[in-house]
Amino acid sequence: MLDLLHGWLIAPFDYAFMRRALAACVVLALTTPVVGVLLTLRGMSLMGEALSHAILPGVALAFVLAGFSLPLMMLGGVAAGLVTVLLAGGVSLVAGLREDAAMASLFLTAMAAGVMGISLSGNALDLGHVLFGSILGVDRQTLLLVAAAGSLVLAVLALTFRMLVVECLDPGFLTLQGRHAGWTQALFMGLVVISLVIGFQALGTLMATGLMLLPAAMARFWSQRLEGMIVIATAWALVSGLVGLLASYHLALPAGPSIVLLAGAGYVVSVLVGPKGGWLAHQRQSRLRRAVTP
């Protein structure tokens, strides 16, 4: 029995590429779910998904100019994401559109431009790597970059967490305190962009929000306290990363989709049985109301 457990749980990490992939999953799980919880509280989950595609033109431009240089591709992705955020805010201000509508139009255009750029300058393998990631291909340099960027996100979150939460729940209060809520939102959107760029190497631009949004959405069915949601979302992201890597190793499955599918499975289960608004909880409340009502 112990040999079987060792073979399934421990032996895969005898390989250096599996250890690096696990370390990258830990970094992603400790950073992106926190940002995801704040995004869901703001009702901006789809904004995060749009931004994950909007980083593609910057990645493509860096690839065209410098080849497959991960530091420059990450820098290009950050620049493209920040430009998209600024443009969406400008379009919303000038044209009176909702910011999410402006973002949707921009990210579709940006994604098409990015795919076109990589397709014209590279090959199908390059495009697939950018779109879907390759967490099992994370090397030492990539891991150090991901860890450094993740540490930066965590440090900024720690320093500004209370301000971000207040701006999320009551932007007017910040204004009364002499602080402009717009700058706080801009800072937060910058953190979202950096978090997405962290995940792009591991999960690709198409699934970079997988560990950001799915654990955060799941956590809302298990806790109504912000601290509880962050802990639950982080824990499930860690479990999804570990089990997804093991499943990909033993069953010869693609690692990135395995991780995101497990995170999504947790969300589906939470929708059904979560005590804070899940389907079964609604059914119990309905039966209680019918029993009490004369």
Protein backbone atom coordinates (compact mmCIF):
# COMPACT_ATOMS: atom_id res chain seq x y z
CA MET A 1 0.00 0.00 0.00
CA LEU A 2 2.79 2.40 0.93
CA ASP A 3 4.63 1.51 -2.28
CA LEU A 4 1.48 2.25 -4.28
CA LEU A 5 1.04 5.64 -2.59
CA HIS A 6 4.70 6.43 -3.11
CA GLY A 7 4.47 5.52 -6.78
CA TRP A 8 1.39 7.70 -7.32
CA LEU A 9 2.13 10.69 -5.11
CA ILE A 10 5.89 10.98 -4.57
CA ALA A 11 7.73 9.24 -7.40
CA PRO A 12 6.57 11.67 -10.15
CA PHE A 13 8.41 14.48 -8.37
CA ASP A 14 11.71 12.65 -8.63
CA TYR A 15 11.90 14.40 -12.00
CA ALA A 16 13.15 17.99 -12.02
CA PHE A 17 10.55 19.16 -14.57
CA MET A 18 7.74 17.96 -12.28
CA ARG A 19 9.26 19.75 -9.28
CA ARG A 20 9.55 22.97 -11.27
CA ALA A 21 5.96 22.61 -12.49
CA LEU A 22 4.76 22.07 -8.90
CA ALA A 23 6.68 25.13 -7.71
CA ALA A 24 5.08 27.20 -10.48
CA CYS A 25 1.64 25.92 -9.42
CA VAL A 26 2.35 26.93 -5.82
CA VAL A 27 3.32 30.45 -6.89
CA LEU A 28 0.17 30.77 -9.01
CA ALA A 29 -2.03 29.35 -6.24
CA LEU A 30 -0.67 31.78 -3.64
CA THR A 31 -1.16 34.88 -5.79
CA THR A 32 -3.86 34.65 -8.45
CA PRO A 33 -6.81 33.41 -6.29
CA VAL A 34 -6.46 36.44 -4.00
CA VAL A 35 -6.77 38.74 -7.00
CA GLY A 36 -9.62 36.56 -8.27
CA VAL A 37 -11.61 36.93 -5.02
CA LEU A 38 -11.36 40.72 -5.26
CA LEU A 39 -12.39 40.56 -8.93
CA THR A 40 -15.50 38.50 -8.16
CA LEU A 41 -16.47 40.84 -5.32
CA ARG A 42 -16.29 43.72 -7.79
CA GLY A 43 -18.43 41.81 -10.31
CA MET A 44 -15.54 42.03 -12.79
CA SER A 45 -14.83 38.35 -13.45
CA LEU A 46 -15.35 38.71 -17.19
CA MET A 47 -13.03 41.71 -17.18
CA GLY A 48 -10.26 39.41 -15.97
CA GLU A 49 -11.01 36.94 -18.76
CA ALA A 50 -10.91 39.74 -21.33
CA LEU A 51 -7.57 40.98 -20.02
CA SER A 52 -6.07 37.50 -20.26
CA HIS A 53 -6.61 37.67 -24.03
CA ALA A 54 -5.63 41.33 -24.29
CA ILE A 55 -2.04 40.57 -23.27
CA LEU A 56 -1.57 38.52 -26.45
CA PRO A 57 -0.51 41.38 -28.81
CA GLY A 58 2.31 42.39 -26.46
CA VAL A 59 3.47 38.79 -26.21
CA ALA A 60 3.29 38.48 -30.01
CA LEU A 61 5.23 41.70 -30.62
CA ALA A 62 7.98 40.65 -28.22
CA PHE A 63 8.12 37.26 -29.94
CA VAL A 64 8.44 38.87 -33.37
CA LEU A 65 11.21 41.24 -32.23
CA ALA A 66 13.23 38.98 -29.94
CA GLY A 67 12.15 35.40 -30.56
CA PHE A 68 11.13 33.14 -27.69
CA SER A 69 12.50 35.34 -24.90
CA LEU A 70 10.26 34.82 -21.88
CA PRO A 71 11.32 37.99 -19.97
CA LEU A 72 10.55 40.19 -22.98
CA MET A 73 7.31 38.32 -23.71
CA MET A 74 6.17 38.84 -20.13
CA LEU A 75 7.12 42.52 -20.30
CA GLY A 76 5.24 42.85 -23.60
CA GLY A 77 2.19 41.17 -22.06
CA VAL A 78 2.19 43.56 -19.09
CA ALA A 79 2.49 46.57 -21.43
CA ALA A 80 -0.34 45.32 -23.68
CA GLY A 81 -2.60 44.64 -20.71
CA LEU A 82 -2.02 48.06 -19.16
CA VAL A 83 -2.59 49.80 -22.50
CA THR A 84 -5.86 47.89 -22.93
CA VAL A 85 -7.02 48.95 -19.45
CA LEU A 86 -6.22 52.59 -20.20
CA LEU A 87 -7.93 52.46 -23.59
CA ALA A 88 -11.03 50.83 -22.13
CA GLY A 89 -11.23 53.53 -19.47
CA GLY A 90 -10.76 56.26 -22.09
CA VAL A 91 -13.43 54.84 -24.41
CA SER A 92 -15.81 54.51 -21.48
CA LEU A 93 -15.18 58.12 -20.43
CA VAL A 94 -15.42 59.65 -23.92
CA ALA A 95 -18.19 57.54 -25.47
CA GLY A 96 -20.22 56.82 -22.34
CA LEU A 97 -19.98 53.05 -22.81
CA ARG A 98 -19.77 50.72 -19.85
CA GLU A 99 -16.14 49.81 -19.23
CA ASP A 100 -16.82 46.09 -19.66
CA ALA A 101 -18.39 46.72 -23.09
CA ALA A 102 -15.37 48.76 -24.17
CA MET A 103 -13.05 46.05 -22.84
CA ALA A 104 -14.92 43.32 -24.77
CA SER A 105 -14.46 45.16 -28.06
CA LEU A 106 -10.80 45.87 -27.40
CA PHE A 107 -9.84 42.39 -26.23
CA LEU A 108 -11.37 40.73 -29.29
CA THR A 109 -9.40 43.04 -31.57
CA ALA A 110 -6.24 42.57 -29.50
CA MET A 111 -6.52 38.80 -29.47
CA ALA A 112 -7.02 38.63 -33.23
CA ALA A 113 -3.99 40.88 -33.77
CA GLY A 114 -1.86 38.74 -31.45
CA VAL A 115 -2.82 35.46 -33.10
CA MET A 116 -2.17 36.97 -36.52
CA GLY A 117 1.25 38.26 -35.47
CA ILE A 118 2.43 34.94 -34.05
CA SER A 119 1.01 32.98 -36.99
CA LEU A 120 2.83 35.15 -39.54
CA SER A 121 6.17 35.05 -37.73
CA GLY A 122 6.24 31.63 -36.12
CA ASN A 123 4.67 28.22 -36.42
CA ALA A 124 1.80 26.24 -34.97
CA LEU A 125 3.93 25.09 -32.03
CA ASP A 126 4.75 28.68 -31.03
CA LEU A 127 1.09 29.68 -31.28
CA GLY A 128 -0.05 26.65 -29.29
CA HIS A 129 2.52 27.33 -26.57
CA VAL A 130 1.36 30.93 -26.18
CA LEU A 131 -2.36 30.10 -26.27
CA PHE A 132 -2.33 27.00 -24.07
CA GLY A 133 0.89 27.24 -22.06
CA SER A 134 3.33 24.50 -21.10
CA ILE A 135 3.64 24.17 -17.35
CA LEU A 136 5.71 21.00 -17.68
CA GLY A 137 8.19 22.98 -19.78
CA VAL A 138 8.89 25.60 -17.08
CA ASP A 139 12.67 25.92 -16.74
CA ARG A 140 14.69 27.43 -13.92
CA GLN A 141 14.80 30.93 -15.42
CA THR A 142 11.05 30.91 -16.01
CA LEU A 143 10.40 29.73 -12.48
CA LEU A 144 12.55 32.52 -11.04
CA LEU A 145 10.68 35.10 -13.13
CA VAL A 146 7.31 33.72 -12.07
CA ALA A 147 8.37 33.67 -8.42
CA ALA A 148 9.69 37.25 -8.58
CA ALA A 149 6.52 38.56 -10.23
CA GLY A 150 4.34 36.62 -7.78
CA SER A 151 6.29 38.04 -4.83
CA LEU A 152 5.76 41.55 -6.21
CA VAL A 153 2.00 40.99 -6.47
CA LEU A 154 1.81 39.61 -2.92
CA ALA A 155 3.86 42.49 -1.52
CA VAL A 156 1.65 45.13 -3.16
CA LEU A 157 -1.49 43.29 -2.03
CA ALA A 158 -0.20 43.18 1.55
CA LEU A 159 0.55 46.92 1.54
CA THR A 160 -2.72 48.02 -0.10
CA PHE A 161 -5.17 45.26 0.85
CA ARG A 162 -7.39 47.35 3.11
CA MET A 163 -7.56 50.18 0.58
CA LEU A 164 -8.43 47.74 -2.22
CA VAL A 165 -11.21 46.16 -0.16
CA VAL A 166 -12.67 49.54 0.80
CA GLU A 167 -12.59 50.71 -2.85
CA CYS A 168 -14.29 47.47 -3.83
CA LEU A 169 -17.14 47.83 -1.33
CA ASP A 170 -17.51 51.61 -0.95
CA PRO A 171 -15.54 53.80 -3.39
CA GLY A 172 -17.23 56.92 -2.03
CA PHE A 173 -15.61 56.39 1.37
CA LEU A 174 -12.13 56.67 -0.15
CA THR A 175 -13.12 59.94 -1.77
CA LEU A 176 -14.30 61.28 1.58
CA GLN A 177 -10.92 60.29 3.03
CA GLY A 178 -9.15 62.37 0.39
CA ARG A 179 -8.10 59.42 -1.74
CA HIS A 180 -9.12 59.05 -5.36
CA ALA A 181 -10.84 55.71 -5.93
CA GLY A 182 -9.85 55.77 -9.60
CA TRP A 183 -6.16 55.46 -8.74
CA THR A 184 -6.91 52.53 -6.46
CA GLN A 185 -8.82 50.78 -9.22
CA ALA A 186 -5.97 51.46 -11.65
CA LEU A 187 -3.52 49.91 -9.18
CA PHE A 188 -5.75 46.86 -8.82
CA MET A 189 -6.12 46.40 -12.57
CA GLY A 190 -2.33 46.58 -12.83
CA LEU A 191 -2.11 43.73 -10.32
CA VAL A 192 -4.63 41.77 -12.39
CA VAL A 193 -2.51 42.22 -15.52
CA ILE A 194 0.70 41.13 -13.76
CA SER A 195 -1.07 38.10 -12.28
CA LEU A 196 -2.31 37.09 -15.73
CA VAL A 197 1.17 37.44 -17.20
CA ILE A 198 2.48 35.20 -14.40
CA GLY A 199 0.02 32.51 -15.47
CA PHE A 200 0.54 32.90 -19.20
CA GLN A 201 3.71 30.73 -19.37
CA ALA A 202 2.11 27.94 -17.36
CA LEU A 203 -1.47 27.95 -18.63
CA GLY A 204 -1.37 30.08 -21.78
CA THR A 205 -3.34 33.21 -22.54
CA LEU A 206 -6.56 31.25 -23.10
CA MET A 207 -6.55 29.65 -19.64
CA ALA A 208 -4.50 32.11 -17.58
CA THR A 209 -7.60 33.03 -15.57
CA GLY A 210 -8.32 29.39 -14.68
CA LEU A 211 -6.62 29.46 -11.27
CA MET A 212 -7.61 33.09 -10.75
CA LEU A 213 -11.37 32.94 -11.19
CA LEU A 214 -12.56 29.34 -10.71
CA PRO A 215 -11.30 28.86 -7.11
CA ALA A 216 -12.52 32.37 -6.25
CA ALA A 217 -15.99 31.65 -7.65
CA MET A 218 -16.06 28.31 -5.80
CA ALA A 219 -15.08 29.91 -2.48
CA ARG A 220 -18.19 32.12 -2.44
CA PHE A 221 -20.33 28.99 -1.95
CA TRP A 222 -18.43 28.04 1.22
CA SER A 223 -17.82 31.31 3.05
CA GLN A 224 -19.27 34.81 3.22
CA ARG A 225 -16.22 36.29 4.91
CA LEU A 226 -13.46 37.75 2.79
CA GLU A 227 -10.71 36.00 4.75
CA GLY A 228 -12.51 32.67 4.45
CA MET A 229 -12.98 33.07 0.70
CA ILE A 230 -9.28 33.83 0.20
CA VAL A 231 -8.17 30.83 2.26
CA ILE A 232 -10.59 28.44 0.52
CA ALA A 233 -9.76 29.75 -2.96
CA THR A 234 -6.01 29.46 -2.32
CA ALA A 235 -6.35 25.95 -0.86
CA TRP A 236 -8.41 24.70 -3.81
CA ALA A 237 -5.97 26.24 -6.29
CA LEU A 238 -3.14 24.36 -4.56
CA VAL A 239 -5.09 21.08 -4.64
CA SER A 240 -6.02 21.60 -8.30
CA GLY A 241 -2.40 22.25 -9.22
CA LEU A 242 -1.05 19.21 -7.37
CA VAL A 243 -3.73 16.75 -8.47
CA GLY A 244 -3.75 18.12 -12.01
CA LEU A 245 0.00 17.55 -12.33
CA LEU A 246 -0.31 14.01 -10.97
CA ALA A 247 -3.20 13.24 -13.32
CA SER A 248 -1.26 14.56 -16.30
CA TYR A 249 1.75 12.40 -15.36
CA HIS A 250 -0.07 9.13 -14.71
CA LEU A 251 -2.78 9.41 -17.37
CA ALA A 252 -0.74 11.15 -20.09
CA LEU A 253 -3.06 14.17 -20.11
CA PRO A 254 -2.12 17.80 -20.92
CA ALA A 255 -1.15 19.41 -17.63
CA GLY A 256 -2.68 22.89 -18.02
CA PRO A 257 -6.18 21.72 -18.99
CA SER A 258 -6.07 19.06 -16.26
CA ILE A 259 -5.41 21.71 -13.61
CA VAL A 260 -8.13 24.05 -14.90
CA LEU A 261 -10.64 21.19 -15.26
CA LEU A 262 -10.10 20.20 -11.64
CA ALA A 263 -10.59 23.80 -10.54
CA GLY A 264 -13.80 23.86 -12.61
CA ALA A 265 -14.97 20.57 -11.09
CA GLY A 266 -14.66 22.13 -7.64
CA TYR A 267 -16.82 25.01 -8.80
CA VAL A 268 -19.52 22.68 -10.17
CA VAL A 269 -19.59 20.66 -6.94
CA SER A 270 -19.81 23.88 -4.93
CA VAL A 271 -22.76 25.12 -7.01
CA LEU A 272 -24.56 21.89 -6.11
CA VAL A 273 -23.65 21.35 -2.43
CA GLY A 274 -22.09 24.59 -1.20
CA PRO A 275 -23.70 25.74 2.08
CA LYS A 276 -23.69 29.43 1.08
CA GLY A 277 -26.12 29.58 -1.82
CA GLY A 278 -25.64 26.15 -3.37
CA TRP A 279 -28.52 24.23 -4.96
CA LEU A 280 -29.00 21.87 -2.00
CA ALA A 281 -28.93 24.78 0.45
CA HIS A 282 -31.66 26.53 -1.58
CA GLN A 283 -33.72 23.34 -1.57
CA ARG A 284 -33.44 23.01 2.22
CA GLN A 285 -34.42 26.63 2.73
CA SER A 286 -37.42 26.21 0.44
CA ARG A 287 -38.60 23.14 2.36
CA LEU A 288 -38.20 25.00 5.67
CA ARG A 289 -40.20 27.96 4.38
CA ARG A 290 -42.97 25.69 3.17
CA ALA A 291 -43.01 23.88 6.53
CA VAL A 292 -43.24 27.13 8.49
CA THR A 293 -45.78 28.81 6.24
CA PRO A 294 -49.32 27.90 7.43
